Amino acid sequence: MELFTVKGLSGFFGISEETIRSMLYRKLLPAPIRIGGRIYWIKEDIEAFLKKKKEESERKGEGKKRGRGRPSKLESIRRER
C-alpha cells in the first residue's frame, strides 16, 4: 500500500501544497488517514477518486451541444441580409 503525504500529493497533481490543504478543507479530496498526527492518502483511494471524477465529467458532457456564444459582428450582418 502506497501512501501520499501533502507534499507527495501536490507533486502527483502538480499543484502547490497550499492548494492541497485548501482542497482538503473544502472537502474536494477523499478523506485522508491520520497516523501520528500526520495526514496521508492511500494511492488507490486517490486513483479511484480521479476515475470517479472523470466518469462524472464525461457523463455531464453527454448529449449537450455547446453553444458558441455571441455571434461576431460579421455573422450578425450576414444574418440580416
PDB file of N, CA and C in Angstrom:
ATOM      1  N   MET A   1       0.855  -1.169   0.000  1.00  0.00           N
ATOM      2  CA  MET A   1       0.000   0.000   0.000  1.00  0.00           C
ATOM      3  C   MET A   1       0.902   1.234   0.000  1.00  0.00           C
ATOM      4  N   GLU A   2       0.695   2.088  -0.997  1.00  0.00           N
ATOM      5  CA  GLU A   2       1.485   3.315  -1.118  1.00  0.00           C
ATOM      6  C   GLU A   2       0.685   4.483  -0.544  1.00  0.00           C
ATOM      7  N   LEU A   3       1.380   5.341   0.191  1.00  0.00           N
ATOM      8  CA  LEU A   3       0.739   6.489   0.819  1.00  0.00           C
ATOM      9  C   LEU A   3       1.295   7.783   0.248  1.00  0.00           C
ATOM     10  N   PHE A   4       0.433   8.793   0.166  1.00  0.00           N
ATOM     11  CA  PHE A   4       0.840  10.132  -0.235  1.00  0.00           C
ATOM     12  C   PHE A   4       0.775  11.047   0.973  1.00  0.00           C
ATOM     13  N   THR A   5       1.782  11.876   1.136  1.00  0.00           N
ATOM     14  CA  THR A   5       1.734  12.970   2.103  1.00  0.00           C
ATOM     15  C   THR A   5       1.175  14.183   1.357  1.00  0.00           C
ATOM     16  N   VAL A   6       1.016  15.296   2.045  1.00  0.00           N
ATOM     17  CA  VAL A   6       0.569  16.526   1.372  1.00  0.00           C
ATOM     18  C   VAL A   6       1.570  16.886   0.279  1.00  0.00           C
ATOM     19  N   LYS A   7       2.849  16.794   0.596  1.00  0.00           N
ATOM     20  CA  LYS A   7       3.894  17.118  -0.374  1.00  0.00           C
ATOM     21  C   LYS A   7       3.853  16.144  -1.561  1.00  0.00           C
ATOM     22  N   GLY A   8       3.700  14.867  -1.290  1.00  0.00           N
ATOM     23  CA  GLY A   8       3.652  13.870  -2.350  1.00  0.00           C
ATOM     24  C   GLY A   8       2.430  14.035  -3.237  1.00  0.00           C
ATOM     25  N   LEU A   9       1.298  14.341  -2.629  1.00  0.00           N
ATOM     26  CA  LEU A   9       0.071  14.527  -3.396  1.00  0.00           C
ATOM     27  C   LEU A   9       0.147  15.792  -4.247  1.00  0.00           C
ATOM     28  N   SER A  10       0.788  16.825  -3.710  1.00  0.00           N
ATOM     29  CA  SER A  10       0.932  18.050  -4.502  1.00  0.00           C
ATOM     30  C   SER A  10       1.816  17.785  -5.716  1.00  0.00           C
ATOM     31  N   GLY A  11       2.844  16.970  -5.562  1.00  0.00           N
ATOM     32  CA  GLY A  11       3.691  16.604  -6.682  1.00  0.00           C
ATOM     33  C   GLY A  11       2.949  15.735  -7.692  1.00  0.00           C
ATOM     34  N   PHE A  12       2.115  14.838  -7.199  1.00  0.00           N
ATOM     35  CA  PHE A  12       1.326  13.952  -8.059  1.00  0.00           C
ATOM     36  C   PHE A  12       0.364  14.750  -8.934  1.00  0.00           C
ATOM     37  N   PHE A  13      -0.303  15.740  -8.329  1.00  0.00           N
ATOM     38  CA  PHE A  13      -1.253  16.576  -9.064  1.00  0.00           C
ATOM     39  C   PHE A  13      -0.575  17.737  -9.794  1.00  0.00           C
ATOM     40  N   GLY A  14       0.630  18.096  -9.376  1.00  0.00           N
ATOM     41  CA  GLY A  14       1.322  19.226  -9.984  1.00  0.00           C
ATOM     42  C   GLY A  14       0.785  20.569  -9.516  1.00  0.00           C
ATOM     43  N   ILE A  15       0.339  20.619  -8.258  1.00  0.00           N
ATOM     44  CA  ILE A  15      -0.179  21.855  -7.673  1.00  0.00           C
ATOM     45  C   ILE A  15       0.527  22.086  -6.336  1.00  0.00           C
ATOM     46  N   SER A  16       0.335  23.250  -5.758  1.00  0.00           N
ATOM     47  CA  SER A  16       1.042  23.582  -4.520  1.00  0.00           C
ATOM     48  C   SER A  16       0.466  22.832  -3.310  1.00  0.00           C
ATOM     49  N   GLU A  17       1.283  22.750  -2.283  1.00  0.00           N
ATOM     50  CA  GLU A  17       0.841  22.119  -1.035  1.00  0.00           C
ATOM     51  C   GLU A  17      -0.308  22.914  -0.421  1.00  0.00           C
ATOM     52  N   GLU A  18      -0.261  24.234  -0.542  1.00  0.00           N
ATOM     53  CA  GLU A  18      -1.340  25.074  -0.006  1.00  0.00           C
ATOM     54  C   GLU A  18      -2.662  24.760  -0.706  1.00  0.00           C
ATOM     55  N   THR A  19      -2.611  24.495  -2.006  1.00  0.00           N
ATOM     56  CA  THR A  19      -3.829  24.140  -2.745  1.00  0.00           C
ATOM     57  C   THR A  19      -4.376  22.810  -2.254  1.00  0.00           C
ATOM     58  N   ILE A  20      -3.491  21.861  -1.972  1.00  0.00           N
ATOM     59  CA  ILE A  20      -3.924  20.563  -1.426  1.00  0.00           C
ATOM     60  C   ILE A  20      -4.627  20.778  -0.092  1.00  0.00           C
ATOM     61  N   ARG A  21      -4.032  21.592   0.771  1.00  0.00           N
ATOM     62  CA  ARG A  21      -4.657  21.858   2.079  1.00  0.00           C
ATOM     63  C   ARG A  21      -6.009  22.555   1.920  1.00  0.00           C
ATOM     64  N   SER A  22      -6.089  23.468   0.963  1.00  0.00           N
ATOM     65  CA  SER A  22      -7.346  24.165   0.703  1.00  0.00           C
ATOM     66  C   SER A  22      -8.406  23.177   0.196  1.00  0.00           C
ATOM     67  N   MET A  23      -8.002  22.300  -0.704  1.00  0.00           N
ATOM     68  CA  MET A  23      -8.938  21.297  -1.235  1.00  0.00           C
ATOM     69  C   MET A  23      -9.395  20.347  -0.132  1.00  0.00           C
ATOM     70  N   LEU A  24      -8.490  20.008   0.787  1.00  0.00           N
ATOM     71  CA  LEU A  24      -8.839  19.156   1.924  1.00  0.00           C
ATOM     72  C   LEU A  24      -9.856  19.863   2.813  1.00  0.00           C
ATOM     73  N   TYR A  25      -9.623  21.140   3.105  1.00  0.00           N
ATOM     74  CA  TYR A  25     -10.518  21.927   3.949  1.00  0.00           C
ATOM     75  C   TYR A  25     -11.911  22.046   3.321  1.00  0.00           C
ATOM     76  N   ARG A  26     -11.949  22.223   1.980  1.00  0.00           N
ATOM     77  CA  ARG A  26     -13.229  22.359   1.275  1.00  0.00           C
ATOM     78  C   ARG A  26     -13.848  21.014   0.907  1.00  0.00           C
ATOM     79  N   LYS A  27     -13.206  19.932   1.353  1.00  0.00           N
ATOM     80  CA  LYS A  27     -13.693  18.556   1.128  1.00  0.00           C
ATOM     81  C   LYS A  27     -13.794  18.223  -0.353  1.00  0.00           C
ATOM     82  N   LEU A  28     -12.790  18.653  -1.126  1.00  0.00           N
ATOM     83  CA  LEU A  28     -12.727  18.342  -2.545  1.00  0.00           C
ATOM     84  C   LEU A  28     -11.831  17.142  -2.821  1.00  0.00           C
ATOM     85  N   LEU A  29     -11.271  16.574  -1.761  1.00  0.00           N
ATOM     86  CA  LEU A  29     -10.430  15.387  -1.859  1.00  0.00           C
ATOM     87  C   LEU A  29     -11.027  14.286  -1.004  1.00  0.00           C
ATOM     88  N   PRO A  30     -10.692  13.027  -1.297  1.00  0.00           N
ATOM     89  CA  PRO A  30     -11.165  11.958  -0.415  1.00  0.00           C
ATOM     90  C   PRO A  30     -10.565  12.117   0.983  1.00  0.00           C
ATOM     91  N   ALA A  31     -11.237  11.564   1.953  1.00  0.00           N
ATOM     92  CA  ALA A  31     -10.784  11.697   3.337  1.00  0.00           C
ATOM     93  C   ALA A  31      -9.432  11.012   3.520  1.00  0.00           C
ATOM     94  N   PRO A  32      -8.500  11.716   4.156  1.00  0.00           N
ATOM     95  CA  PRO A  32      -7.191  11.113   4.417  1.00  0.00           C
ATOM     96  C   PRO A  32      -7.232  10.261   5.679  1.00  0.00           C
ATOM     97  N   ILE A  33      -6.157   9.516   5.893  1.00  0.00           N
ATOM     98  CA  ILE A  33      -5.992   8.821   7.170  1.00  0.00           C
ATOM     99  C   ILE A  33      -4.956   9.596   7.967  1.00  0.00           C
ATOM    100  N   ARG A  34      -5.034   9.486   9.266  1.00  0.00           N
ATOM    101  CA  ARG A  34      -4.081  10.188  10.128  1.00  0.00           C
ATOM    102  C   ARG A  34      -3.275   9.156  10.903  1.00  0.00           C
ATOM    103  N   ILE A  35      -1.978   9.318  10.828  1.00  0.00           N
ATOM    104  CA  ILE A  35      -1.069   8.437  11.554  1.00  0.00           C
ATOM    105  C   ILE A  35      -0.080   9.328  12.293  1.00  0.00           C
ATOM    106  N   GLY A  36      -0.117   9.257  13.608  1.00  0.00           N
ATOM    107  CA  GLY A  36       0.808  10.061  14.411  1.00  0.00           C
ATOM    108  C   GLY A  36       0.673  11.550  14.172  1.00  0.00           C
ATOM    109  N   GLY A  37      -0.520  12.024  13.936  1.00  0.00           N
ATOM    110  CA  GLY A  37      -0.756  13.446  13.725  1.00  0.00           C
ATOM    111  C   GLY A  37      -0.462  13.919  12.305  1.00  0.00           C
ATOM    112  N   ARG A  38      -0.020  13.025  11.435  1.00  0.00           N
ATOM    113  CA  ARG A  38       0.242  13.394  10.044  1.00  0.00           C
ATOM    114  C   ARG A  38      -0.885  12.895   9.153  1.00  0.00           C
ATOM    115  N   ILE A  39      -1.025  13.549   8.013  1.00  0.00           N
ATOM    116  CA  ILE A  39      -2.100  13.240   7.070  1.00  0.00           C
ATOM    117  C   ILE A  39      -1.527  12.459   5.893  1.00  0.00           C
ATOM    118  N   TYR A  40      -2.204  11.349   5.535  1.00  0.00           N
ATOM    119  CA  TYR A  40      -1.798  10.532   4.401  1.00  0.00           C
ATOM    120  C   TYR A  40      -3.022  10.137   3.585  1.00  0.00           C
ATOM    121  N   TRP A  41      -2.812   9.984   2.285  1.00  0.00           N
ATOM    122  CA  TRP A  41      -3.847   9.450   1.415  1.00  0.00           C
ATOM    123  C   TRP A  41      -3.343   8.142   0.833  1.00  0.00           C
ATOM    124  N   ILE A  42      -4.224   7.179   0.728  1.00  0.00           N
ATOM    125  CA  ILE A  42      -3.871   5.903   0.115  1.00  0.00           C
ATOM    126  C   ILE A  42      -3.950   6.088  -1.395  1.00  0.00           C
ATOM    127  N   LYS A  43      -2.907   5.653  -2.097  1.00  0.00           N
ATOM    128  CA  LYS A  43      -2.809   5.868  -3.539  1.00  0.00           C
ATOM    129  C   LYS A  43      -4.019   5.304  -4.276  1.00  0.00           C
ATOM    130  N   GLU A  44      -4.482   4.144  -3.882  1.00  0.00           N
ATOM    131  CA  GLU A  44      -5.643   3.524  -4.540  1.00  0.00           C
ATOM    132  C   GLU A  44      -6.900   4.379  -4.372  1.00  0.00           C
ATOM    133  N   ASP A  45      -7.045   5.033  -3.206  1.00  0.00           N
ATOM    134  CA  ASP A  45      -8.188   5.920  -2.971  1.00  0.00           C
ATOM    135  C   ASP A  45      -8.138   7.133  -3.899  1.00  0.00           C
ATOM    136  N   ILE A  46      -6.940   7.684  -4.094  1.00  0.00           N
ATOM    137  CA  ILE A  46      -6.779   8.839  -4.988  1.00  0.00           C
ATOM    138  C   ILE A  46      -7.076   8.427  -6.423  1.00  0.00           C
ATOM    139  N   GLU A  47      -6.588   7.260  -6.837  1.00  0.00           N
ATOM    140  CA  GLU A  47      -6.840   6.792  -8.203  1.00  0.00           C
ATOM    141  C   GLU A  47      -8.331   6.540  -8.432  1.00  0.00           C
ATOM    142  N   ALA A  48      -9.018   5.952  -7.442  1.00  0.00           N
ATOM    143  CA  ALA A  48     -10.462   5.722  -7.557  1.00  0.00           C
ATOM    144  C   ALA A  48     -11.213   7.053  -7.607  1.00  0.00           C
ATOM    145  N   PHE A  49     -10.770   8.019  -6.808  1.00  0.00           N
ATOM    146  CA  PHE A  49     -11.363   9.355  -6.792  1.00  0.00           C
ATOM    147  C   PHE A  49     -11.250  10.006  -8.167  1.00  0.00           C
ATOM    148  N   LEU A  50     -10.061   9.933  -8.776  1.00  0.00           N
ATOM    149  CA  LEU A  50      -9.851  10.526 -10.095  1.00  0.00           C
ATOM    150  C   LEU A  50     -10.688   9.828 -11.166  1.00  0.00           C
ATOM    151  N   LYS A  51     -10.797   8.511 -11.075  1.00  0.00           N
ATOM    152  CA  LYS A  51     -11.605   7.750 -12.035  1.00  0.00           C
ATOM    153  C   LYS A  51     -13.071   8.166 -11.931  1.00  0.00           C
ATOM    154  N   LYS A  52     -13.557   8.311 -10.697  1.00  0.00           N
ATOM    155  CA  LYS A  52     -14.951   8.722 -10.476  1.00  0.00           C
ATOM    156  C   LYS A  52     -15.196  10.125 -11.034  1.00  0.00           C
ATOM    157  N   LYS A  53     -14.264  11.050 -10.774  1.00  0.00           N
ATOM    158  CA  LYS A  53     -14.400  12.416 -11.285  1.00  0.00           C
ATOM    159  C   LYS A  53     -14.392  12.447 -12.807  1.00  0.00           C
ATOM    160  N   LYS A  54     -13.569  11.612 -13.424  1.00  0.00           N
ATOM    161  CA  LYS A  54     -13.508  11.551 -14.880  1.00  0.00           C
ATOM    162  C   LYS A  54     -14.833  11.055 -15.443  1.00  0.00           C
ATOM    163  N   GLU A  55     -15.399   9.998 -14.837  1.00  0.00           N
ATOM    164  CA  GLU A  55     -16.681   9.460 -15.289  1.00  0.00           C
ATOM    165  C   GLU A  55     -17.796  10.489 -15.137  1.00  0.00           C
ATOM    166  N   GLU A  56     -17.805  11.221 -14.019  1.00  0.00           N
ATOM    167  CA  GLU A  56     -18.815  12.265 -13.808  1.00  0.00           C
ATOM    168  C   GLU A  56     -18.687  13.352 -14.862  1.00  0.00           C
ATOM    169  N   SER A  57     -17.473  13.717 -15.170  1.00  0.00           N
ATOM    170  CA  SER A  57     -17.218  14.751 -16.168  1.00  0.00           C
ATOM    171  C   SER A  57     -17.694  14.311 -17.545  1.00  0.00           C
ATOM    172  N   GLU A  58     -17.432  13.061 -17.894  1.00  0.00           N
ATOM    173  CA  GLU A  58     -17.863  12.542 -19.192  1.00  0.00           C
ATOM    174  C   GLU A  58     -19.382  12.457 -19.276  1.00  0.00           C
ATOM    175  N   ARG A  59     -20.025  12.077 -18.163  1.00  0.00           N
ATOM    176  CA  ARG A  59     -21.488  11.980 -18.130  1.00  0.00           C
ATOM    177  C   ARG A  59     -22.131  13.350 -18.286  1.00  0.00           C
ATOM    178  N   LYS A  60     -21.536  14.368 -17.679  1.00  0.00           N
ATOM    179  CA  LYS A  60     -22.076  15.730 -17.785  1.00  0.00           C
ATOM    180  C   LYS A  60     -22.063  16.220 -19.224  1.00  0.00           C
ATOM    181  N   GLY A  61     -21.038  15.845 -19.958  1.00  0.00           N
ATOM    182  CA  GLY A  61     -20.873  16.329 -21.312  1.00  0.00           C
ATOM    183  C   GLY A  61     -21.703  15.604 -22.351  1.00  0.00           C
ATOM    184  N   GLU A  62     -22.289  14.459 -22.009  1.00  0.00           N
ATOM    185  CA  GLU A  62     -23.061  13.690 -22.981  1.00  0.00           C
ATOM    186  C   GLU A  62     -24.348  14.403 -23.365  1.00  0.00           C
ATOM    187  N   GLY A  63     -24.622  14.433 -24.648  1.00  0.00           N
ATOM    188  CA  GLY A  63     -25.886  14.958 -25.136  1.00  0.00           C
ATOM    189  C   GLY A  63     -26.007  16.471 -25.117  1.00  0.00           C
ATOM    190  N   LYS A  64     -24.989  17.146 -24.720  1.00  0.00           N
ATOM    191  CA  LYS A  64     -25.054  18.603 -24.695  1.00  0.00           C
ATOM    192  C   LYS A  64     -24.285  19.157 -25.875  1.00  0.00           C
ATOM    193  N   LYS A  65     -24.935  20.032 -26.599  1.00  0.00           N
ATOM    194  CA  LYS A  65     -24.246  20.716 -27.666  1.00  0.00           C
ATOM    195  C   LYS A  65     -23.813  22.063 -27.112  1.00  0.00           C
ATOM    196  N   ARG A  66     -22.558  22.314 -27.182  1.00  0.00           N
ATOM    197  CA  ARG A  66     -22.037  23.530 -26.597  1.00  0.00           C
ATOM    198  C   ARG A  66     -22.236  24.693 -27.556  1.00  0.00           C
ATOM    199  N   GLY A  67     -22.826  25.746 -27.060  1.00  0.00           N
ATOM    200  CA  GLY A  67     -23.039  26.936 -27.855  1.00  0.00           C
ATOM    201  C   GLY A  67     -21.748  27.703 -28.079  1.00  0.00           C
ATOM    202  N   ARG A  68     -21.734  28.507 -29.092  1.00  0.00           N
ATOM    203  CA  ARG A  68     -20.538  29.276 -29.421  1.00  0.00           C
ATOM    204  C   ARG A  68     -20.545  30.641 -28.766  1.00  0.00           C
ATOM    205  N   GLY A  69     -21.611  30.990 -28.112  1.00  0.00           N
ATOM    206  CA  GLY A  69     -21.665  32.313 -27.502  1.00  0.00           C
ATOM    207  C   GLY A  69     -22.251  33.330 -28.458  1.00  0.00           C
ATOM    208  N   ARG A  70     -21.944  34.557 -28.225  1.00  0.00           N
ATOM    209  CA  ARG A  70     -22.475  35.656 -29.007  1.00  0.00           C
ATOM    210  C   ARG A  70     -21.887  35.646 -30.420  1.00  0.00           C
ATOM    211  N   PRO A  71     -22.717  35.881 -31.455  1.00  0.00           N
ATOM    212  CA  PRO A  71     -22.187  35.899 -32.819  1.00  0.00           C
ATOM    213  C   PRO A  71     -21.287  37.115 -33.045  1.00  0.00           C
ATOM    214  N   SER A  72     -20.365  36.958 -33.969  1.00  0.00           N
ATOM    215  CA  SER A  72     -19.483  38.075 -34.299  1.00  0.00           C
ATOM    216  C   SER A  72     -20.268  39.130 -35.077  1.00  0.00           C
ATOM    217  N   LYS A  73     -19.689  40.295 -35.220  1.00  0.00           N
ATOM    218  CA  LYS A  73     -20.331  41.377 -35.969  1.00  0.00           C
ATOM    219  C   LYS A  73     -20.584  40.946 -37.406  1.00  0.00           C
ATOM    220  N   LEU A  74     -19.627  40.269 -38.022  1.00  0.00           N
ATOM    221  CA  LEU A  74     -19.773  39.803 -39.399  1.00  0.00           C
ATOM    222  C   LEU A  74     -20.929  38.807 -39.526  1.00  0.00           C
ATOM    223  N   GLU A  75     -21.047  37.884 -38.572  1.00  0.00           N
ATOM    224  CA  GLU A  75     -22.151  36.916 -38.597  1.00  0.00           C
ATOM    225  C   GLU A  75     -23.493  37.623 -38.457  1.00  0.00           C
ATOM    226  N   SER A  76     -23.560  38.643 -37.607  1.00  0.00           N
ATOM    227  CA  SER A  76     -24.806  39.401 -37.429  1.00  0.00           C
ATOM    228  C   SER A  76     -25.209  40.100 -38.728  1.00  0.00           C
ATOM    229  N   ILE A  77     -24.252  40.699 -39.427  1.00  0.00           N
ATOM    230  CA  ILE A  77     -24.537  41.403 -40.680  1.00  0.00           C
ATOM    231  C   ILE A  77     -25.028  40.417 -41.742  1.00  0.00           C
ATOM    232  N   ARG A  78     -24.384  39.254 -41.803  1.00  0.00           N
ATOM    233  CA  ARG A  78     -24.772  38.255 -42.799  1.00  0.00           C
ATOM    234  C   ARG A  78     -26.187  37.745 -42.560  1.00  0.00           C
ATOM    235  N   ARG A  79     -26.580  37.611 -41.300  1.00  0.00           N
ATOM    236  CA  ARG A  79     -27.948  37.144 -40.996  1.00  0.00           C
ATOM    237  C   ARG A  79     -29.006  38.163 -41.396  1.00  0.00           C
ATOM    238  N   GLU A  80     -28.661  39.444 -41.275  1.00  0.00           N
ATOM    239  CA  GLU A  80     -29.629  40.498 -41.607  1.00  0.00           C
ATOM    240  C   GLU A  80     -29.936  40.543 -43.088  1.00  0.00           C
ATOM    241  N   ARG A  81     -29.044  40.106 -43.929  1.00  0.00           N
ATOM    242  CA  ARG A  81     -29.233  40.157 -45.384  1.00  0.00           C
ATOM    243  C   ARG A  81     -30.103  39.063 -45.870  1.00  0.00           C
TER     244      ARG A  81
END
